[in-house]
C-alpha cells in the first residue's frame, strides 16, 4: 500500500472549493489527466453518490469508479476509487483559513492485478502527480475568481 498525503492553500471560500471537488464531474476542468467524468447515481452529490471517470489515453478499459463514502460539507469527503488496476481509499479535508481554504489529502493507494509490481513506482511518483492535480484545482479556482 502506498500512502499519499499533502496539502495546498487555495484562495477561495471553503464551501466553493468543497462543492467543486465533491462533484467528480468537475475534475476534467482542472485535471488534464481526466478525459471525462459522469455521475451514475440519481439524486444529489452526497453519501453513496457514484461517478465514473476515464483517464486520458486509457479509454473505457481505464475507467475508475468513485464512490462518496462520507460527505460532511464543507469539511470532509471520504472517497473510494476502484478500477481494474488501482484501488484508492482516502479523505479530503477542507479547512477555512485567512483568505481561503486549506485542502488536505490522505490516500491509501494500491495497484492491483499485473500492475501491482509497479507499486514502488507509484510510491515514487504518486505524491508528485497528486500534488499536481490539486495545484491544477488551485489554479482553476483562483483564475475563475478574478
N, C-alpha and C. Protein backbone atom coordinates (compact mmCIF):
# COMPACT_ATOMS: atom_id res chain seq x y z
N UNK A 1 0.84 -1.17 0.00
CA UNK A 1 0.00 0.00 0.00
C UNK A 1 0.89 1.24 0.00
N UNK A 2 0.47 2.23 -0.75
CA UNK A 2 1.18 3.50 -0.81
C UNK A 2 0.30 4.56 -0.19
N UNK A 3 0.82 5.27 0.78
CA UNK A 3 0.08 6.37 1.40
C UNK A 3 0.58 7.67 0.81
N UNK A 4 -0.35 8.48 0.35
CA UNK A 4 -0.02 9.76 -0.26
C UNK A 4 -0.76 10.85 0.49
N UNK A 5 -0.01 11.77 1.06
CA UNK A 5 -0.59 12.87 1.83
C UNK A 5 0.00 14.19 1.34
N UNK A 6 -0.76 15.24 1.53
CA UNK A 6 -0.29 16.56 1.16
C UNK A 6 -1.35 17.60 1.42
N UNK A 7 -1.02 18.83 1.12
CA UNK A 7 -1.95 19.93 1.31
C UNK A 7 -1.61 21.07 0.39
N UNK A 8 -2.61 21.92 0.17
CA UNK A 8 -2.43 23.11 -0.65
C UNK A 8 -3.39 24.18 -0.15
N UNK A 9 -2.95 25.43 -0.19
CA UNK A 9 -3.80 26.56 0.15
C UNK A 9 -4.44 27.08 -1.13
N UNK A 10 -5.75 27.31 -1.08
CA UNK A 10 -6.49 27.77 -2.24
C UNK A 10 -7.21 29.06 -1.87
N UNK A 11 -7.04 30.08 -2.67
CA UNK A 11 -7.62 31.39 -2.40
C UNK A 11 -9.07 31.47 -2.81
N UNK A 12 -9.92 30.70 -2.15
CA UNK A 12 -11.37 30.72 -2.41
C UNK A 12 -12.08 30.19 -1.16
N UNK A 13 -13.35 30.55 -0.99
CA UNK A 13 -14.09 30.11 0.20
C UNK A 13 -14.19 28.58 0.28
N UNK A 14 -14.17 28.06 1.51
CA UNK A 14 -14.15 26.63 1.75
C UNK A 14 -15.36 25.94 1.11
N UNK A 15 -16.54 26.53 1.18
CA UNK A 15 -17.73 25.91 0.59
C UNK A 15 -17.62 25.78 -0.93
N UNK A 16 -17.07 26.79 -1.56
CA UNK A 16 -16.89 26.76 -3.02
C UNK A 16 -15.92 25.65 -3.43
N UNK A 17 -14.80 25.55 -2.71
CA UNK A 17 -13.81 24.52 -3.03
C UNK A 17 -14.39 23.13 -2.77
N UNK A 18 -15.06 22.95 -1.63
CA UNK A 18 -15.66 21.66 -1.31
C UNK A 18 -16.64 21.23 -2.40
N UNK A 19 -17.56 22.12 -2.77
CA UNK A 19 -18.58 21.77 -3.76
C UNK A 19 -17.97 21.39 -5.10
N UNK A 20 -16.95 22.10 -5.50
CA UNK A 20 -16.29 21.80 -6.77
C UNK A 20 -15.65 20.42 -6.74
N UNK A 21 -14.97 20.10 -5.65
CA UNK A 21 -14.27 18.82 -5.54
C UNK A 21 -15.24 17.66 -5.32
N UNK A 22 -16.27 17.88 -4.53
CA UNK A 22 -17.21 16.80 -4.20
C UNK A 22 -17.92 16.26 -5.43
N UNK A 23 -18.14 17.11 -6.42
CA UNK A 23 -18.80 16.68 -7.65
C UNK A 23 -17.74 16.29 -8.67
N UNK A 24 -17.48 15.01 -8.77
CA UNK A 24 -16.41 14.47 -9.62
C UNK A 24 -16.53 14.94 -11.07
N UNK A 25 -17.72 15.30 -11.51
CA UNK A 25 -17.90 15.76 -12.90
C UNK A 25 -17.07 17.01 -13.19
N UNK A 26 -16.62 17.71 -12.16
CA UNK A 26 -15.80 18.91 -12.35
C UNK A 26 -14.33 18.60 -12.59
N UNK A 27 -13.87 17.41 -12.26
CA UNK A 27 -12.43 17.14 -12.30
C UNK A 27 -11.79 17.37 -13.67
N UNK A 28 -12.44 17.05 -14.79
CA UNK A 28 -11.77 17.34 -16.07
C UNK A 28 -11.47 18.82 -16.30
N UNK A 29 -12.11 19.70 -15.56
CA UNK A 29 -11.85 21.15 -15.69
C UNK A 29 -10.48 21.54 -15.14
N UNK A 30 -10.01 20.81 -14.14
CA UNK A 30 -8.75 21.20 -13.51
C UNK A 30 -7.68 20.11 -13.55
N UNK A 31 -8.04 18.91 -13.97
CA UNK A 31 -7.07 17.82 -14.04
C UNK A 31 -6.98 17.32 -15.48
N UNK A 32 -5.93 17.70 -16.20
CA UNK A 32 -5.83 17.32 -17.61
C UNK A 32 -5.67 15.82 -17.83
N UNK A 33 -5.43 15.06 -16.77
CA UNK A 33 -5.29 13.60 -16.93
C UNK A 33 -6.64 12.89 -16.95
N UNK A 34 -7.73 13.61 -16.68
CA UNK A 34 -9.07 13.02 -16.71
C UNK A 34 -9.80 13.51 -17.95
N UNK A 35 -10.17 12.59 -18.81
CA UNK A 35 -10.84 12.93 -20.07
C UNK A 35 -12.32 13.24 -19.87
N UNK A 36 -12.98 12.47 -18.99
CA UNK A 36 -14.40 12.69 -18.74
C UNK A 36 -14.77 12.11 -17.39
N UNK A 37 -15.86 12.62 -16.84
CA UNK A 37 -16.40 12.10 -15.59
C UNK A 37 -17.90 12.31 -15.61
N UNK A 38 -18.64 11.31 -15.15
CA UNK A 38 -20.10 11.43 -15.11
C UNK A 38 -20.64 10.81 -13.84
N UNK A 39 -21.77 11.33 -13.40
CA UNK A 39 -22.44 10.81 -12.22
C UNK A 39 -23.34 9.67 -12.68
N UNK A 40 -23.29 8.54 -11.98
CA UNK A 40 -24.05 7.36 -12.41
C UNK A 40 -25.15 6.98 -11.41
N UNK A 41 -25.35 7.77 -10.37
CA UNK A 41 -26.44 7.55 -9.44
C UNK A 41 -27.38 8.74 -9.49
N UNK A 42 -28.62 8.51 -9.12
CA UNK A 42 -29.60 9.58 -9.05
C UNK A 42 -29.43 10.36 -7.75
N UNK A 43 -30.04 11.53 -7.71
CA UNK A 43 -30.03 12.33 -6.50
C UNK A 43 -28.83 13.24 -6.41
N UNK A 44 -28.77 13.97 -5.30
CA UNK A 44 -27.68 14.94 -5.12
C UNK A 44 -26.35 14.25 -4.81
N UNK A 45 -25.29 15.02 -4.94
CA UNK A 45 -23.98 14.54 -4.52
C UNK A 45 -24.01 14.44 -3.00
N UNK A 46 -23.63 13.29 -2.51
CA UNK A 46 -23.62 13.04 -1.06
C UNK A 46 -23.22 11.61 -0.82
N UNK A 47 -23.39 11.11 0.39
CA UNK A 47 -23.01 9.72 0.69
C UNK A 47 -23.71 8.75 -0.26
N UNK A 48 -22.94 7.84 -0.83
CA UNK A 48 -23.48 6.86 -1.76
C UNK A 48 -23.47 7.30 -3.22
N UNK A 49 -23.21 8.57 -3.48
CA UNK A 49 -23.12 9.03 -4.87
C UNK A 49 -21.94 8.33 -5.55
N UNK A 50 -22.15 7.91 -6.79
CA UNK A 50 -21.09 7.24 -7.55
C UNK A 50 -20.88 7.96 -8.88
N UNK A 51 -19.61 7.95 -9.28
CA UNK A 51 -19.19 8.58 -10.53
C UNK A 51 -18.30 7.61 -11.27
N UNK A 52 -18.25 7.78 -12.59
CA UNK A 52 -17.29 7.05 -13.42
C UNK A 52 -16.41 8.09 -14.09
N UNK A 53 -15.10 7.89 -14.00
CA UNK A 53 -14.14 8.80 -14.61
C UNK A 53 -13.23 8.00 -15.54
N UNK A 54 -12.85 8.64 -16.62
CA UNK A 54 -11.97 8.00 -17.60
C UNK A 54 -10.67 8.78 -17.72
N UNK A 55 -9.56 8.16 -17.33
CA UNK A 55 -8.26 8.81 -17.51
C UNK A 55 -7.94 8.99 -18.99
N UNK A 56 -7.35 10.11 -19.32
CA UNK A 56 -6.98 10.41 -20.71
C UNK A 56 -6.00 9.35 -21.23
N UNK A 57 -6.26 8.89 -22.43
CA UNK A 57 -5.38 7.94 -23.09
C UNK A 57 -5.60 6.49 -22.72
N UNK A 58 -6.54 6.21 -21.82
CA UNK A 58 -6.76 4.83 -21.40
C UNK A 58 -8.07 4.26 -21.94
N UNK A 59 -8.96 5.11 -22.41
CA UNK A 59 -10.23 4.64 -22.92
C UNK A 59 -11.06 3.97 -21.84
N UNK A 60 -12.10 3.27 -22.29
CA UNK A 60 -13.04 2.63 -21.35
C UNK A 60 -12.35 1.61 -20.45
N UNK A 61 -11.28 0.98 -20.92
CA UNK A 61 -10.61 -0.03 -20.08
C UNK A 61 -9.96 0.58 -18.84
N UNK A 62 -9.73 1.87 -18.85
CA UNK A 62 -9.13 2.54 -17.71
C UNK A 62 -10.13 3.17 -16.76
N UNK A 63 -11.43 2.99 -17.03
CA UNK A 63 -12.46 3.64 -16.21
C UNK A 63 -12.28 3.37 -14.72
N UNK A 64 -12.51 4.42 -13.95
CA UNK A 64 -12.45 4.33 -12.50
C UNK A 64 -13.83 4.67 -11.95
N UNK A 65 -14.25 3.96 -10.93
CA UNK A 65 -15.50 4.27 -10.24
C UNK A 65 -15.16 4.91 -8.91
N UNK A 66 -15.74 6.07 -8.66
CA UNK A 66 -15.54 6.77 -7.41
C UNK A 66 -16.86 6.74 -6.64
N UNK A 67 -16.81 6.36 -5.37
CA UNK A 67 -18.00 6.40 -4.51
C UNK A 67 -17.73 7.29 -3.31
N UNK A 68 -18.68 8.17 -3.03
CA UNK A 68 -18.59 9.04 -1.87
C UNK A 68 -19.06 8.24 -0.66
N UNK A 69 -18.18 8.01 0.28
CA UNK A 69 -18.50 7.24 1.47
C UNK A 69 -18.96 8.15 2.62
N UNK A 70 -18.31 9.30 2.73
CA UNK A 70 -18.65 10.27 3.78
C UNK A 70 -18.67 11.65 3.15
N UNK A 71 -19.68 12.43 3.50
CA UNK A 71 -19.88 13.75 2.93
C UNK A 71 -20.28 14.69 4.06
N UNK A 72 -19.31 15.42 4.58
CA UNK A 72 -19.56 16.35 5.68
C UNK A 72 -19.24 17.75 5.17
N UNK A 73 -20.20 18.35 4.47
CA UNK A 73 -20.00 19.64 3.84
C UNK A 73 -19.86 20.72 4.91
N UNK A 74 -18.90 21.61 4.78
CA UNK A 74 -17.84 21.72 3.79
C UNK A 74 -16.48 21.28 4.32
N UNK A 75 -16.46 20.29 5.19
CA UNK A 75 -15.20 19.97 5.88
C UNK A 75 -14.50 18.69 5.45
N UNK A 76 -15.26 17.65 5.04
CA UNK A 76 -14.60 16.36 4.85
C UNK A 76 -15.33 15.51 3.81
N UNK A 77 -14.53 14.90 2.95
CA UNK A 77 -15.00 13.90 1.99
C UNK A 77 -14.18 12.63 2.19
N UNK A 78 -14.84 11.50 2.20
CA UNK A 78 -14.16 10.21 2.21
C UNK A 78 -14.61 9.51 0.94
N UNK A 79 -13.68 9.21 0.06
CA UNK A 79 -13.97 8.59 -1.23
C UNK A 79 -13.24 7.27 -1.37
N UNK A 80 -13.84 6.37 -2.13
CA UNK A 80 -13.21 5.13 -2.53
C UNK A 80 -13.23 5.10 -4.05
N UNK A 81 -12.07 4.83 -4.64
CA UNK A 81 -11.93 4.75 -6.09
C UNK A 81 -11.46 3.36 -6.44
N UNK A 82 -12.12 2.77 -7.44
CA UNK A 82 -11.74 1.41 -7.86
C UNK A 82 -11.68 1.36 -9.39
N UNK A 83 -10.69 0.63 -9.86
CA UNK A 83 -10.58 0.33 -11.29
C UNK A 83 -9.94 -1.05 -11.40
N UNK A 84 -9.73 -1.48 -12.61
CA UNK A 84 -9.12 -2.79 -12.81
C UNK A 84 -7.65 -2.82 -12.41
N UNK A 85 -7.05 -1.66 -12.19
CA UNK A 85 -5.62 -1.59 -11.90
C UNK A 85 -5.28 -0.84 -10.61
N UNK A 86 -6.28 -0.17 -9.98
CA UNK A 86 -5.97 0.69 -8.85
C UNK A 86 -7.14 0.72 -7.86
N UNK A 87 -6.83 0.69 -6.58
CA UNK A 87 -7.81 0.91 -5.51
C UNK A 87 -7.29 2.05 -4.64
N UNK A 88 -8.17 3.00 -4.36
CA UNK A 88 -7.81 4.15 -3.53
C UNK A 88 -8.87 4.32 -2.46
N UNK A 89 -8.45 4.57 -1.25
CA UNK A 89 -9.36 4.85 -0.15
C UNK A 89 -8.76 6.02 0.61
N UNK A 90 -9.51 7.10 0.74
CA UNK A 90 -8.93 8.22 1.44
C UNK A 90 -9.87 9.37 1.67
N UNK A 91 -9.32 10.37 2.32
CA UNK A 91 -10.11 11.53 2.69
C UNK A 91 -9.50 12.82 2.17
N UNK A 92 -10.39 13.76 1.96
CA UNK A 92 -10.03 15.14 1.67
C UNK A 92 -10.63 15.97 2.80
N UNK A 93 -9.83 16.86 3.37
CA UNK A 93 -10.36 17.76 4.38
C UNK A 93 -10.18 19.19 3.91
N UNK A 94 -11.12 20.02 4.29
CA UNK A 94 -11.20 21.40 3.84
C UNK A 94 -11.31 22.28 5.09
N UNK A 95 -10.31 23.10 5.33
CA UNK A 95 -10.31 23.97 6.50
C UNK A 95 -10.28 25.41 6.05
N UNK A 96 -11.13 26.22 6.68
CA UNK A 96 -11.14 27.64 6.38
C UNK A 96 -9.90 28.26 6.99
N UNK A 97 -9.24 29.09 6.21
CA UNK A 97 -8.12 29.86 6.74
C UNK A 97 -8.16 31.23 6.11
N UNK A 98 -7.43 32.16 6.65
CA UNK A 98 -7.46 33.53 6.17
C UNK A 98 -7.33 33.59 4.66
N UNK A 99 -8.32 34.13 4.03
CA UNK A 99 -8.26 34.31 2.59
C UNK A 99 -8.60 33.08 1.77
N UNK A 100 -9.03 31.98 2.39
CA UNK A 100 -9.36 30.83 1.56
C UNK A 100 -9.51 29.52 2.29
N UNK A 101 -8.98 28.50 1.65
CA UNK A 101 -9.18 27.12 2.08
C UNK A 101 -7.86 26.37 2.12
N UNK A 102 -7.67 25.58 3.14
CA UNK A 102 -6.55 24.64 3.21
C UNK A 102 -7.13 23.27 2.88
N UNK A 103 -6.74 22.72 1.73
CA UNK A 103 -7.19 21.40 1.28
C UNK A 103 -6.09 20.40 1.61
N UNK A 104 -6.47 19.32 2.30
CA UNK A 104 -5.52 18.25 2.63
C UNK A 104 -6.04 16.95 2.05
N UNK A 105 -5.12 16.13 1.55
CA UNK A 105 -5.48 14.81 1.05
C UNK A 105 -4.69 13.75 1.79
N UNK A 106 -5.31 12.61 1.97
CA UNK A 106 -4.69 11.48 2.67
C UNK A 106 -5.26 10.21 2.02
N UNK A 107 -4.50 9.62 1.12
CA UNK A 107 -4.95 8.49 0.31
C UNK A 107 -4.13 7.25 0.62
N UNK A 108 -4.79 6.12 0.68
CA UNK A 108 -4.13 4.81 0.63
C UNK A 108 -4.38 4.28 -0.77
N UNK A 109 -3.31 4.08 -1.53
CA UNK A 109 -3.42 3.63 -2.92
C UNK A 109 -2.77 2.27 -3.07
N UNK A 110 -3.45 1.41 -3.82
CA UNK A 110 -2.94 0.08 -4.11
C UNK A 110 -3.08 -0.22 -5.59
N UNK A 111 -1.99 -0.54 -6.23
CA UNK A 111 -2.08 -1.10 -7.57
C UNK A 111 -2.50 -2.55 -7.44
N UNK A 112 -3.33 -3.02 -8.34
CA UNK A 112 -3.83 -4.39 -8.28
C UNK A 112 -3.58 -5.08 -9.61
N UNK A 113 -3.73 -6.39 -9.59
CA UNK A 113 -3.53 -7.17 -10.80
C UNK A 113 -2.08 -7.13 -11.25
N UNK A 114 -1.87 -7.25 -12.55
CA UNK A 114 -0.50 -7.28 -13.08
C UNK A 114 0.30 -6.01 -12.77
N UNK A 115 -0.38 -4.88 -12.58
CA UNK A 115 0.34 -3.63 -12.31
C UNK A 115 0.87 -3.54 -10.88
N UNK A 116 0.49 -4.49 -10.05
CA UNK A 116 0.94 -4.48 -8.66
C UNK A 116 2.47 -4.41 -8.55
N UNK A 117 3.17 -5.01 -9.51
CA UNK A 117 4.64 -4.99 -9.48
C UNK A 117 5.20 -3.58 -9.60
N UNK A 118 4.37 -2.63 -10.06
CA UNK A 118 4.82 -1.24 -10.22
C UNK A 118 4.57 -0.40 -8.97
N UNK A 119 4.20 -1.03 -7.87
CA UNK A 119 3.93 -0.30 -6.63
C UNK A 119 5.08 0.61 -6.20
N UNK A 120 6.35 0.20 -6.32
CA UNK A 120 7.44 1.13 -5.97
C UNK A 120 7.43 2.39 -6.84
N UNK A 121 7.02 2.26 -8.09
CA UNK A 121 6.93 3.43 -8.97
C UNK A 121 5.83 4.36 -8.48
N UNK A 122 4.68 3.79 -8.10
CA UNK A 122 3.59 4.59 -7.56
C UNK A 122 4.06 5.35 -6.32
N UNK A 123 4.79 4.68 -5.45
CA UNK A 123 5.29 5.34 -4.23
C UNK A 123 6.22 6.49 -4.58
N UNK A 124 6.98 6.35 -5.65
CA UNK A 124 7.95 7.39 -6.03
C UNK A 124 7.29 8.58 -6.74
N UNK A 125 6.37 8.31 -7.66
CA UNK A 125 5.81 9.42 -8.45
C UNK A 125 4.41 9.84 -8.02
N UNK A 126 3.72 8.99 -7.26
CA UNK A 126 2.34 9.29 -6.85
C UNK A 126 2.18 10.61 -6.12
N UNK A 127 3.03 10.91 -5.14
CA UNK A 127 2.86 12.19 -4.43
C UNK A 127 2.98 13.40 -5.34
N UNK A 128 3.90 13.35 -6.28
CA UNK A 128 4.07 14.47 -7.22
C UNK A 128 2.86 14.61 -8.14
N UNK A 129 2.35 13.47 -8.64
CA UNK A 129 1.16 13.50 -9.51
C UNK A 129 -0.04 14.03 -8.75
N UNK A 130 -0.22 13.58 -7.52
CA UNK A 130 -1.37 14.01 -6.73
C UNK A 130 -1.28 15.50 -6.44
N UNK A 131 -0.11 15.97 -6.08
CA UNK A 131 0.06 17.41 -5.83
C UNK A 131 -0.25 18.21 -7.09
N UNK A 132 0.20 17.72 -8.23
CA UNK A 132 -0.07 18.42 -9.50
C UNK A 132 -1.57 18.53 -9.74
N UNK A 133 -2.33 17.49 -9.40
CA UNK A 133 -3.78 17.51 -9.53
C UNK A 133 -4.38 18.66 -8.71
N UNK A 134 -3.97 18.79 -7.46
CA UNK A 134 -4.55 19.79 -6.58
C UNK A 134 -4.03 21.19 -6.87
N UNK A 135 -2.83 21.30 -7.39
CA UNK A 135 -2.35 22.61 -7.87
C UNK A 135 -3.18 23.04 -9.08
N UNK A 136 -3.56 22.06 -9.93
CA UNK A 136 -4.47 22.36 -11.04
C UNK A 136 -5.80 22.90 -10.55
N UNK A 137 -6.32 22.32 -9.47
CA UNK A 137 -7.56 22.83 -8.86
C UNK A 137 -7.35 24.25 -8.36
N UNK A 138 -6.27 24.47 -7.65
CA UNK A 138 -5.94 25.80 -7.12
C UNK A 138 -5.91 26.83 -8.25
N UNK A 139 -5.17 26.52 -9.31
CA UNK A 139 -5.05 27.43 -10.45
C UNK A 139 -6.42 27.70 -11.09
N UNK A 140 -7.21 26.64 -11.25
CA UNK A 140 -8.53 26.77 -11.86
C UNK A 140 -9.43 27.67 -11.00
N UNK A 141 -9.50 27.40 -9.71
CA UNK A 141 -10.38 28.15 -8.83
C UNK A 141 -9.92 29.61 -8.72
N UNK A 142 -8.64 29.81 -8.54
CA UNK A 142 -8.15 31.17 -8.36
C UNK A 142 -8.24 32.00 -9.64
N UNK A 143 -8.08 31.38 -10.79
CA UNK A 143 -8.24 32.14 -12.05
C UNK A 143 -9.69 32.46 -12.32
N UNK A 144 -10.63 31.61 -11.89
CA UNK A 144 -12.05 31.86 -12.08
C UNK A 144 -12.54 32.94 -11.13
N UNK A 145 -11.85 33.14 -10.01
CA UNK A 145 -12.26 34.12 -9.00
C UNK A 145 -11.91 35.54 -9.41
N UNK A 146 -11.04 35.66 -10.39
CA UNK A 146 -10.56 37.02 -10.76
C UNK A 146 -11.43 37.65 -11.78
